[in-house]
Each structure stands twice: as C-alpha cells, then as structure tokens.
Amino acid sequence: MSEPMILALTALAQTTRLQAFRLLVKSGPQGISVGSLAEQLNVPLSTLSRHLNQLQQGQLIKTWREGRHVFYATDWAGTGALLNYLTEDCCQGRVDLNTVCHNLGENQS
C-alpha cells in the first residue's frame, strides 16, 4: 500500500474527521468556512484545525483564504485517487460490478 493511501485512510479513521469530510463532500466546490464547519460539528476551532490538517495530509481536502475567512473543500484529485485505489481490483471479471466501479469514477470528476 502506498504512503498517500495510508495517510488518506488514517485520516478517515476517526469520527470527527469522517464527519468533517462528509460535510465537505456535500458542500461541493464552494466549500465551507472553518467557523461554520466547527459550528456544524460542535467542535472547538483548535481541535478542528488538527483534524483538518490530517485530512489535508491525506490529500482529501484543500483550503484557501478569502479576506479574513478560511474555507475548506474536498480535494477531488486526492479523493478520486483513493476511490480508484480502493476499487481498481474490485470488479475482476464481474460485469455486474464493472458498471458500479466505472460510475464511481465518473461521478467524482
């Protein structure tokens, strides 16, 4: 298993990080401000910052600043790489699963 995949899976293996990631996926490309994310998760900003850092290290989210506000959104390149890694061997000859795996990749681009 490659190091980036280990980092991504490790980042998702914690409740708050998984909840944050799911909210960011739902938010789309516009993302969510860090303050709003902390409020929705009911987590202090300092704690959330550590969790978001791990998701960034796993290449699952990206961040940017607009004035005084910091935003986070899903990094679809990293998330897509993880999905591809997890599904690359899932279909091995099974036509019924091949469509599912193919659709997963298309829906994330």
Protein backbone atom coordinates (compact mmCIF):
# COMPACT_ATOMS: atom_id res chain seq x y z
CA MET A 1 0.00 0.00 0.00
CA SER A 2 1.36 3.43 -0.88
CA GLU A 3 2.02 6.11 1.72
CA PRO A 4 -0.60 8.59 0.35
CA MET A 5 -3.30 5.92 0.61
CA ILE A 6 -2.28 5.08 4.17
CA LEU A 7 -2.47 8.77 5.11
CA ALA A 8 -5.90 9.14 3.49
CA LEU A 9 -7.34 6.05 5.16
CA THR A 10 -5.84 7.02 8.51
CA ALA A 11 -7.36 10.49 8.21
CA LEU A 12 -10.82 9.00 7.66
CA ALA A 13 -10.49 6.52 10.53
CA GLN A 14 -11.69 8.96 13.19
CA THR A 15 -15.27 10.09 13.82
CA THR A 16 -14.83 13.88 13.74
CA ARG A 17 -12.61 13.77 10.66
CA LEU A 18 -15.01 11.47 8.84
CA GLN A 19 -17.95 13.75 9.72
CA ALA A 20 -16.00 16.81 8.54
CA PHE A 21 -15.05 15.08 5.29
CA ARG A 22 -18.66 14.08 4.64
CA LEU A 23 -19.85 17.67 5.22
CA LEU A 24 -17.20 18.95 2.83
CA VAL A 25 -18.20 16.42 0.17
CA LYS A 26 -21.82 17.57 0.50
CA SER A 27 -20.83 21.25 0.32
CA GLY A 28 -19.47 20.95 -3.21
CA PRO A 29 -16.70 23.05 -4.73
CA GLN A 30 -17.64 26.23 -2.83
CA GLY A 31 -16.64 24.51 0.43
CA ILE A 32 -17.42 25.64 3.95
CA SER A 33 -15.81 28.27 6.17
CA VAL A 34 -13.84 26.83 9.07
CA GLY A 35 -16.11 28.64 11.52
CA SER A 36 -19.25 27.16 10.01
CA LEU A 37 -17.66 23.72 9.93
CA ALA A 38 -16.73 23.98 13.62
CA GLU A 39 -20.26 25.08 14.46
CA GLN A 40 -21.90 22.26 12.48
CA LEU A 41 -19.62 19.68 14.10
CA ASN A 42 -19.83 21.28 17.56
CA VAL A 43 -16.04 21.14 17.85
CA PRO A 44 -13.67 23.89 19.11
CA LEU A 45 -11.67 25.58 16.33
CA SER A 46 -8.34 24.44 17.79
CA THR A 47 -9.46 20.81 17.78
CA LEU A 48 -10.97 21.09 14.32
CA SER A 49 -7.75 22.61 12.99
CA ARG A 50 -5.81 19.47 13.95
CA HIS A 51 -8.42 17.25 12.32
CA LEU A 52 -8.47 19.29 9.11
CA ASN A 53 -4.68 19.19 8.97
CA GLN A 54 -4.79 15.39 8.94
CA LEU A 55 -7.37 15.40 6.15
CA GLN A 56 -5.10 17.74 4.18
CA GLN A 57 -2.11 15.46 4.75
CA GLY A 58 -4.23 12.65 3.35
CA GLN A 59 -4.86 14.83 0.26
CA LEU A 60 -8.61 14.64 0.84
CA ILE A 61 -9.34 18.34 1.35
CA LYS A 62 -7.95 21.70 0.27
CA THR A 63 -8.05 25.12 1.86
CA TRP A 64 -7.97 28.76 0.79
CA ARG A 65 -8.40 32.18 2.34
CA GLU A 66 -10.85 34.89 1.30
CA GLY A 67 -10.05 38.00 3.28
CA ARG A 68 -10.23 37.04 6.94
CA HIS A 69 -12.15 33.81 6.28
CA VAL A 70 -10.63 30.36 5.75
CA PHE A 71 -12.52 27.85 3.63
CA TYR A 72 -12.18 24.11 3.13
CA ALA A 73 -13.48 21.89 0.34
CA THR A 74 -12.99 18.37 -0.92
CA ASP A 75 -9.81 17.80 -2.92
CA TRP A 76 -11.35 15.70 -5.68
CA ALA A 77 -8.00 14.70 -7.16
CA GLY A 78 -6.88 13.10 -3.90
CA THR A 79 -10.32 11.71 -3.10
CA GLY A 80 -10.58 10.27 -6.61
CA ALA A 81 -7.15 8.68 -6.25
CA LEU A 82 -8.30 7.00 -3.04
CA LEU A 83 -11.52 5.76 -4.65
CA ASN A 84 -9.58 4.44 -7.64
CA TYR A 85 -7.13 2.70 -5.34
CA LEU A 86 -9.95 1.05 -3.38
CA THR A 87 -11.87 -0.04 -6.48
CA GLU A 88 -9.13 -0.85 -9.02
CA ASP A 89 -9.37 -4.59 -8.41
CA CYS A 90 -12.96 -4.83 -7.22
CA CYS A 91 -14.55 -5.87 -10.49
CA GLN A 92 -12.21 -8.62 -11.68
CA GLY A 93 -14.28 -10.13 -14.42
CA ARG A 94 -17.67 -9.41 -12.89
CA VAL A 95 -19.65 -7.43 -15.42
CA ASP A 96 -22.33 -6.58 -12.84
CA LEU A 97 -19.77 -4.78 -10.67
CA ASN A 98 -17.81 -3.23 -13.53
CA THR A 99 -20.58 -0.67 -14.16
CA VAL A 100 -20.69 0.28 -10.48
CA CYS A 101 -16.92 0.82 -10.33
CA HIS A 102 -16.92 2.79 -13.58
CA ASN A 103 -19.77 5.04 -12.39
CA LEU A 104 -17.94 5.76 -9.13
CA GLY A 105 -15.00 7.16 -11.06
CA GLU A 106 -17.15 9.23 -13.41
CA ASN A 107 -19.27 10.78 -10.66
CA GLN A 108 -16.23 12.15 -8.83
CA SER A 109 -14.62 14.04 -11.72
